[in-house]
Amino acid sequence: MRRMPTYLHRLLRMQAGGEQWVSCADLAAYMNIPHILVRKDVAMTGLRGNRRYGFRVNELIEAILRFVGWDRPSTATLIGAGSLGTALLGFADFETYRFSITSVFDADPEKIGREVHGFRIYDIAEIRKRLHQFSPKIGIICVPAVGAQLIADILVSLGIRYIWNFANVCLQVPPGVIVQREVIAGGLAVLSAKIKQSEAGGGNVGQESE
C-alpha cells in the first residue's frame, strides 16, 4: 500500500507527458525494486494489462485510485499547527488524492486567528462547537505526545472514527476506531541501518524501502 502513491506519482507524470502505456518493468526501474513486486502490486488493483504493451496509463491511474480509496473525497480536521502541522497544510498533493483539510485547531494564542497556507487556525477550545454537527471523516493529530490522548478522546467523542496520528505515542481508542500512527524516527532508523550496512561493506542497500 505504501508503494501505491509512488506509482501514482510516476503515472501522473507520464500522463502529463502524453505517454499512453506503462509496463511493470518501467515502474520497477523507476523505483529500483524487483519487477515481480510491481507485478504483484498492480495485480492487487484488479486491472489486467496487455501482454505486449503493459497497462494503459489512464486505466492504471484510475485502478490505483479505486484500490487505495482515493476515488472518493475525504475530509479531515488537523489539530496542532506547529512545524509538522504547517507542513501538512502546505502539501499540495493532497488534492490529487481527493483529501481535503477542512479545519485547523491549536491551543497557542499566538497562532489562533492567523492563516497558514490559506487555512484559518481556530482555538482548540472551540473544537466541539465547530465540529459537533459536521465532523470530518478523519482527525489528524500533530500535537506533542503529552496532549495527544486528550485530543484523540475529543475526536472520538465527536464521532470521528479514523485518526492519523503524528504524535510519538500509542493512542488508546475504543473498538471500531482506526489509528494510523506515523513515526518519523522509524524512517530515520531504516536509513541509519542502511548507512551502517553500507559502511560495513554490506550488499545492495540502495533500494527503496518496501
C-alpha atoms as a PDB file:
ATOM      1  CA  MET A   1       0.000   0.000   0.000  1.00  0.00           C
ATOM      2  CA  ARG A   2       2.843   2.403   0.784  1.00  0.00           C
ATOM      3  CA  ARG A   3       4.201   1.978  -2.734  1.00  0.00           C
ATOM      4  CA  MET A   4       0.960   2.981  -4.443  1.00  0.00           C
ATOM      5  CA  PRO A   5       1.466   6.763  -4.080  1.00  0.00           C
ATOM      6  CA  THR A   6       4.876   6.460  -5.735  1.00  0.00           C
ATOM      7  CA  TYR A   7       3.402   4.511  -8.635  1.00  0.00           C
ATOM      8  CA  LEU A   8       0.684   7.131  -8.915  1.00  0.00           C
ATOM      9  CA  HIS A   9       3.169   9.994  -8.894  1.00  0.00           C
ATOM     10  CA  ARG A  10       5.114   8.407 -11.741  1.00  0.00           C
ATOM     11  CA  LEU A  11       1.972   7.616 -13.716  1.00  0.00           C
ATOM     12  CA  LEU A  12       0.624  11.143 -13.392  1.00  0.00           C
ATOM     13  CA  ARG A  13       3.900  12.497 -14.756  1.00  0.00           C
ATOM     14  CA  MET A  14       3.703  10.049 -17.645  1.00  0.00           C
ATOM     15  CA  GLN A  15       0.110  11.081 -18.294  1.00  0.00           C
ATOM     16  CA  ALA A  16       1.108  14.747 -18.331  1.00  0.00           C
ATOM     17  CA  GLY A  17       3.832  13.880 -20.830  1.00  0.00           C
ATOM     18  CA  GLY A  18       1.356  12.231 -23.162  1.00  0.00           C
ATOM     19  CA  GLU A  19       2.543   8.651 -22.586  1.00  0.00           C
ATOM     20  CA  GLN A  20      -0.211   6.068 -23.018  1.00  0.00           C
ATOM     21  CA  TRP A  21       1.339   2.763 -21.939  1.00  0.00           C
ATOM     22  CA  VAL A  22       3.436   1.621 -18.997  1.00  0.00           C
ATOM     23  CA  SER A  23       4.885  -1.750 -18.058  1.00  0.00           C
ATOM     24  CA  CYS A  24       5.717  -3.245 -14.679  1.00  0.00           C
ATOM     25  CA  ALA A  25       9.339  -3.173 -15.769  1.00  0.00           C
ATOM     26  CA  ASP A  26       9.117   0.597 -16.283  1.00  0.00           C
ATOM     27  CA  LEU A  27       7.775   1.143 -12.776  1.00  0.00           C
ATOM     28  CA  ALA A  28      10.258  -1.312 -11.269  1.00  0.00           C
ATOM     29  CA  ALA A  29      13.169   0.540 -12.885  1.00  0.00           C
ATOM     30  CA  TYR A  30      11.833   3.880 -11.672  1.00  0.00           C
ATOM     31  CA  MET A  31      11.549   2.660  -8.071  1.00  0.00           C
ATOM     32  CA  ASN A  32      14.589   0.378  -8.145  1.00  0.00           C
ATOM     33  CA  ILE A  33      12.618  -2.590  -6.847  1.00  0.00           C
ATOM     34  CA  PRO A  34      12.118  -6.123  -8.237  1.00  0.00           C
ATOM     35  CA  HIS A  35       9.877  -6.443 -11.283  1.00  0.00           C
ATOM     36  CA  ILE A  36       7.833  -9.226  -9.673  1.00  0.00           C
ATOM     37  CA  LEU A  37       6.993  -6.952  -6.736  1.00  0.00           C
ATOM     38  CA  VAL A  38       5.437  -4.357  -9.042  1.00  0.00           C
ATOM     39  CA  ARG A  39       3.539  -7.066 -10.895  1.00  0.00           C
ATOM     40  CA  LYS A  40       2.042  -8.330  -7.635  1.00  0.00           C
ATOM     41  CA  ASP A  41       1.135  -4.798  -6.536  1.00  0.00           C
ATOM     42  CA  VAL A  42      -0.608  -3.985  -9.812  1.00  0.00           C
ATOM     43  CA  ALA A  43      -2.448  -7.318  -9.728  1.00  0.00           C
ATOM     44  CA  MET A  44      -3.996  -6.280  -6.410  1.00  0.00           C
ATOM     45  CA  THR A  45      -5.824  -3.440  -8.174  1.00  0.00           C
ATOM     46  CA  GLY A  46      -7.648  -5.974 -10.339  1.00  0.00           C
ATOM     47  CA  LEU A  47      -6.510  -4.349 -13.586  1.00  0.00           C
ATOM     48  CA  ARG A  48      -5.465  -6.623 -16.431  1.00  0.00           C
ATOM     49  CA  GLY A  49      -2.834  -5.447 -18.839  1.00  0.00           C
ATOM     50  CA  ASN A  50      -1.889  -6.129 -22.425  1.00  0.00           C
ATOM     51  CA  ARG A  51       0.855  -8.740 -22.837  1.00  0.00           C
ATOM     52  CA  ARG A  52       2.584  -6.683 -25.465  1.00  0.00           C
ATOM     53  CA  TYR A  53       2.204  -3.135 -24.186  1.00  0.00           C
ATOM     54  CA  GLY A  54       1.565  -3.438 -20.464  1.00  0.00           C
ATOM     55  CA  PHE A  55      -1.098  -1.174 -18.988  1.00  0.00           C
ATOM     56  CA  ARG A  56      -2.826   1.932 -20.241  1.00  0.00           C
ATOM     57  CA  VAL A  57      -1.577   4.780 -18.070  1.00  0.00           C
ATOM     58  CA  ASN A  58      -5.035   6.321 -17.608  1.00  0.00           C
ATOM     59  CA  GLU A  59      -6.584   2.994 -16.624  1.00  0.00           C
ATOM     60  CA  LEU A  60      -3.835   2.165 -14.135  1.00  0.00           C
ATOM     61  CA  ILE A  61      -4.180   5.589 -12.512  1.00  0.00           C
ATOM     62  CA  GLU A  62      -7.913   5.015 -12.071  1.00  0.00           C
ATOM     63  CA  ALA A  63      -7.331   1.471 -10.782  1.00  0.00           C
ATOM     64  CA  ILE A  64      -4.853   2.655  -8.154  1.00  0.00           C
ATOM     65  CA  LEU A  65      -7.159   5.474  -7.048  1.00  0.00           C
ATOM     66  CA  ARG A  66     -10.000   2.969  -6.587  1.00  0.00           C
ATOM     67  CA  PHE A  67      -7.792   0.452  -4.791  1.00  0.00           C
ATOM     68  CA  VAL A  68      -6.458   2.981  -2.282  1.00  0.00           C
ATOM     69  CA  GLY A  69      -9.854   4.636  -1.859  1.00  0.00           C
ATOM     70  CA  TRP A  70      -8.850   7.933  -3.417  1.00  0.00           C
ATOM     71  CA  ASP A  71     -11.677   7.807  -5.933  1.00  0.00           C
ATOM     72  CA  ARG A  72     -13.911   9.192  -3.165  1.00  0.00           C
ATOM     73  CA  PRO A  73     -13.299  12.506  -1.379  1.00  0.00           C
ATOM     74  CA  SER A  74     -12.248  12.531   2.278  1.00  0.00           C
ATOM     75  CA  THR A  75     -12.296  15.432   4.719  1.00  0.00           C
ATOM     76  CA  ALA A  76     -10.128  15.948   7.773  1.00  0.00           C
ATOM     77  CA  THR A  77      -9.530  18.248  10.702  1.00  0.00           C
ATOM     78  CA  LEU A  78      -5.967  18.967  11.796  1.00  0.00           C
ATOM     79  CA  ILE A  79      -5.041  19.642  15.417  1.00  0.00           C
ATOM     80  CA  GLY A  80      -1.667  21.216  16.036  1.00  0.00           C
ATOM     81  CA  ALA A  81      -0.432  23.931  13.680  1.00  0.00           C
ATOM     82  CA  GLY A  82       3.228  23.640  14.600  1.00  0.00           C
ATOM     83  CA  SER A  83       6.044  22.883  12.184  1.00  0.00           C
ATOM     84  CA  LEU A  84       4.729  19.457  11.186  1.00  0.00           C
ATOM     85  CA  GLY A  85       1.095  20.535  11.006  1.00  0.00           C
ATOM     86  CA  THR A  86       2.026  23.544   8.915  1.00  0.00           C
ATOM     87  CA  ALA A  87       3.971  21.333   6.536  1.00  0.00           C
ATOM     88  CA  LEU A  88       0.928  19.113   6.068  1.00  0.00           C
ATOM     89  CA  LEU A  89      -1.259  22.144   5.387  1.00  0.00           C
ATOM     90  CA  GLY A  90       1.106  23.116   2.603  1.00  0.00           C
ATOM     91  CA  PHE A  91       1.224  19.667   0.990  1.00  0.00           C
ATOM     92  CA  ALA A  92      -0.247  20.305  -2.447  1.00  0.00           C
ATOM     93  CA  ASP A  93      -0.549  16.637  -3.455  1.00  0.00           C
ATOM     94  CA  PHE A  94      -3.500  16.107  -1.107  1.00  0.00           C
ATOM     95  CA  GLU A  95      -5.674  17.497  -3.884  1.00  0.00           C
ATOM     96  CA  THR A  96      -4.590  14.632  -6.144  1.00  0.00           C
ATOM     97  CA  TYR A  97      -5.741  12.162  -3.501  1.00  0.00           C
ATOM     98  CA  ARG A  98      -9.120  13.945  -3.076  1.00  0.00           C
ATOM     99  CA  PHE A  99      -8.131  14.588   0.528  1.00  0.00           C
ATOM    100  CA  SER A 100      -9.036  17.972   1.967  1.00  0.00           C
ATOM    101  CA  ILE A 101      -8.381  19.515   5.365  1.00  0.00           C
ATOM    102  CA  THR A 102     -11.466  21.500   6.295  1.00  0.00           C
ATOM    103  CA  SER A 103     -10.495  22.877   9.714  1.00  0.00           C
ATOM    104  CA  VAL A 104      -7.393  23.541  11.807  1.00  0.00           C
ATOM    105  CA  PHE A 105      -7.118  23.921  15.585  1.00  0.00           C
ATOM    106  CA  ASP A 106      -4.373  24.904  18.005  1.00  0.00           C
ATOM    107  CA  ALA A 107      -4.009  25.994  21.632  1.00  0.00           C
ATOM    108  CA  ASP A 108      -1.301  28.625  21.098  1.00  0.00           C
ATOM    109  CA  PRO A 109      -2.794  32.155  21.434  1.00  0.00           C
ATOM    110  CA  GLU A 110      -0.181  33.467  19.006  1.00  0.00           C
ATOM    111  CA  LYS A 111      -1.424  31.098  16.286  1.00  0.00           C
ATOM    112  CA  ILE A 112      -5.170  31.304  16.866  1.00  0.00           C
ATOM    113  CA  GLY A 113      -6.840  33.570  14.324  1.00  0.00           C
ATOM    114  CA  ARG A 114      -3.909  33.512  11.928  1.00  0.00           C
ATOM    115  CA  GLU A 115      -3.939  31.930   8.471  1.00  0.00           C
ATOM    116  CA  VAL A 116      -1.425  29.331   7.333  1.00  0.00           C
ATOM    117  CA  HIS A 117      -1.412  28.252   3.690  1.00  0.00           C
ATOM    118  CA  GLY A 118      -4.914  29.672   3.408  1.00  0.00           C
ATOM    119  CA  PHE A 119      -6.236  27.850   6.489  1.00  0.00           C
ATOM    120  CA  ARG A 120      -7.594  29.829   9.424  1.00  0.00           C
ATOM    121  CA  ILE A 121      -6.463  28.458  12.780  1.00  0.00           C
ATOM    122  CA  TYR A 122      -9.209  28.112  15.376  1.00  0.00           C
ATOM    123  CA  ASP A 123      -8.992  27.815  19.143  1.00  0.00           C
ATOM    124  CA  ILE A 124      -8.934  24.175  20.261  1.00  0.00           C
ATOM    125  CA  ALA A 125     -11.439  25.190  22.944  1.00  0.00           C
ATOM    126  CA  GLU A 126     -13.985  25.668  20.144  1.00  0.00           C
ATOM    127  CA  ILE A 127     -13.498  22.267  18.517  1.00  0.00           C
ATOM    128  CA  ARG A 128     -16.665  20.705  19.948  1.00  0.00           C
ATOM    129  CA  LYS A 129     -18.735  23.698  18.913  1.00  0.00           C
ATOM    130  CA  ARG A 130     -17.335  23.843  15.385  1.00  0.00           C
ATOM    131  CA  LEU A 131     -17.324  20.112  14.640  1.00  0.00           C
ATOM    132  CA  HIS A 132     -20.375  18.984  16.593  1.00  0.00           C
ATOM    133  CA  GLN A 133     -22.770  18.907  13.628  1.00  0.00           C
ATOM    134  CA  PHE A 134     -20.402  18.405  10.709  1.00  0.00           C
ATOM    135  CA  SER A 135     -17.494  16.256  11.799  1.00  0.00           C
ATOM    136  CA  PRO A 136     -14.961  15.362   9.092  1.00  0.00           C
ATOM    137  CA  LYS A 137     -14.108  11.736   8.460  1.00  0.00           C
ATOM    138  CA  ILE A 138     -10.500  11.916   9.669  1.00  0.00           C
ATOM    139  CA  GLY A 139      -8.701  13.579  12.566  1.00  0.00           C
ATOM    140  CA  ILE A 140      -5.028  14.480  12.142  1.00  0.00           C
ATOM    141  CA  ILE A 141      -3.093  14.777  15.400  1.00  0.00           C
ATOM    142  CA  CYS A 142       0.081  16.874  15.243  1.00  0.00           C
ATOM    143  CA  VAL A 143       0.353  17.867  18.901  1.00  0.00           C
ATOM    144  CA  PRO A 144       3.065  16.891  21.416  1.00  0.00           C
ATOM    145  CA  ALA A 145       2.768  13.377  22.800  1.00  0.00           C
ATOM    146  CA  VAL A 146       1.634  14.592  26.213  1.00  0.00           C
ATOM    147  CA  GLY A 147      -1.590  16.022  24.784  1.00  0.00           C
ATOM    148  CA  ALA A 148      -2.311  13.507  22.035  1.00  0.00           C
ATOM    149  CA  GLN A 149      -4.543  11.169  24.058  1.00  0.00           C
ATOM    150  CA  LEU A 150      -6.804  14.017  25.156  1.00  0.00           C
ATOM    151  CA  ILE A 151      -7.176  15.161  21.549  1.00  0.00           C
ATOM    152  CA  ALA A 152      -7.918  11.609  20.445  1.00  0.00           C
ATOM    153  CA  ASP A 153     -10.623  11.321  23.125  1.00  0.00           C
ATOM    154  CA  ILE A 154     -12.220  14.546  21.904  1.00  0.00           C
ATOM    155  CA  LEU A 155     -12.158  13.413  18.274  1.00  0.00           C
ATOM    156  CA  VAL A 156     -13.735  10.069  19.160  1.00  0.00           C
ATOM    157  CA  SER A 157     -16.431  11.816  21.213  1.00  0.00           C
ATOM    158  CA  LEU A 158     -17.283  13.847  18.105  1.00  0.00           C
ATOM    159  CA  GLY A 159     -17.843  10.677  16.108  1.00  0.00           C
ATOM    160  CA  ILE A 160     -14.535  10.670  14.242  1.00  0.00           C
ATOM    161  CA  ARG A 161     -13.504   7.047  13.727  1.00  0.00           C
ATOM    162  CA  TYR A 162     -10.296   7.482  11.744  1.00  0.00           C
ATOM    163  CA  ILE A 163      -7.198   9.109  13.209  1.00  0.00           C
ATOM    164  CA  TRP A 164      -3.894   9.920  11.534  1.00  0.00           C
ATOM    165  CA  ASN A 165      -1.523  10.231  14.481  1.00  0.00           C
ATOM    166  CA  PHE A 166       1.819  12.034  14.153  1.00  0.00           C
ATOM    167  CA  ALA A 167       2.397  12.208  17.913  1.00  0.00           C
ATOM    168  CA  ASN A 168       5.004   9.784  19.223  1.00  0.00           C
ATOM    169  CA  VAL A 169       2.595   7.882  21.454  1.00  0.00           C
ATOM    170  CA  CYS A 170       0.332   4.843  21.155  1.00  0.00           C
ATOM    171  CA  LEU A 171      -3.234   6.060  21.480  1.00  0.00           C
ATOM    172  CA  GLN A 172      -5.887   4.165  23.401  1.00  0.00           C
ATOM    173  CA  VAL A 173      -9.131   4.185  21.424  1.00  0.00           C
ATOM    174  CA  PRO A 174     -12.417   2.249  21.550  1.00  0.00           C
ATOM    175  CA  PRO A 175     -13.109  -0.708  19.232  1.00  0.00           C
ATOM    176  CA  GLY A 176     -14.086   0.454  15.766  1.00  0.00           C
ATOM    177  CA  VAL A 177     -11.743   3.456  15.769  1.00  0.00           C
ATOM    178  CA  ILE A 178      -8.817   3.106  13.375  1.00  0.00           C
ATOM    179  CA  VAL A 179      -5.493   4.796  14.091  1.00  0.00           C
ATOM    180  CA  GLN A 180      -2.652   5.150  11.605  1.00  0.00           C
ATOM    181  CA  ARG A 181       0.469   6.110  13.536  1.00  0.00           C
ATOM    182  CA  GLU A 182       3.332   7.808  11.737  1.00  0.00           C
ATOM    183  CA  VAL A 183       6.710   7.542  13.446  1.00  0.00           C
ATOM    184  CA  ILE A 184       9.166   9.830  11.666  1.00  0.00           C
ATOM    185  CA  ALA A 185      12.062   8.321  13.583  1.00  0.00           C
ATOM    186  CA  GLY A 186      11.152   4.962  12.046  1.00  0.00           C
ATOM    187  CA  GLY A 187      12.203   6.142   8.609  1.00  0.00           C
ATOM    188  CA  LEU A 188      15.398   7.589  10.064  1.00  0.00           C
ATOM    189  CA  ALA A 189      16.109   4.257  11.763  1.00  0.00           C
ATOM    190  CA  VAL A 190      15.784   2.411   8.446  1.00  0.00           C
ATOM    191  CA  LEU A 191      18.091   4.900   6.730  1.00  0.00           C
ATOM    192  CA  SER A 192      20.608   4.683   9.569  1.00  0.00           C
ATOM    193  CA  ALA A 193      20.592   0.890   9.345  1.00  0.00           C
ATOM    194  CA  LYS A 194      21.256   1.099   5.602  1.00  0.00           C
ATOM    195  CA  ILE A 195      24.125   3.527   6.197  1.00  0.00           C
ATOM    196  CA  LYS A 196      25.614   1.184   8.785  1.00  0.00           C
ATOM    197  CA  GLN A 197      25.310  -1.799   6.452  1.00  0.00           C
ATOM    198  CA  SER A 198      26.779   0.130   3.536  1.00  0.00           C
ATOM    199  CA  GLU A 199      29.750   1.428   5.514  1.00  0.00           C
ATOM    200  CA  ALA A 200      30.383  -2.072   6.837  1.00  0.00           C
ATOM    201  CA  GLY A 201      30.723  -3.321   3.264  1.00  0.00           C
ATOM    202  CA  GLY A 202      27.258  -4.864   3.036  1.00  0.00           C
ATOM    203  CA  GLY A 203      25.392  -5.747  -0.128  1.00  0.00           C
ATOM    204  CA  ASN A 204      22.990  -3.644  -2.171  1.00  0.00           C
ATOM    205  CA  VAL A 205      21.175  -1.344   0.243  1.00  0.00           C
ATOM    206  CA  GLY A 206      20.177   1.287  -2.270  1.00  0.00           C
ATOM    207  CA  GLN A 207      16.686   0.034  -2.999  1.00  0.00           C
ATOM    208  CA  GLU A 208      13.564   1.794  -1.873  1.00  0.00           C
ATOM    209  CA  SER A 209      12.077   0.501   1.353  1.00  0.00           C
ATOM    210  CA  GLU A 210       9.111  -1.783   0.793  1.00  0.00           C
END
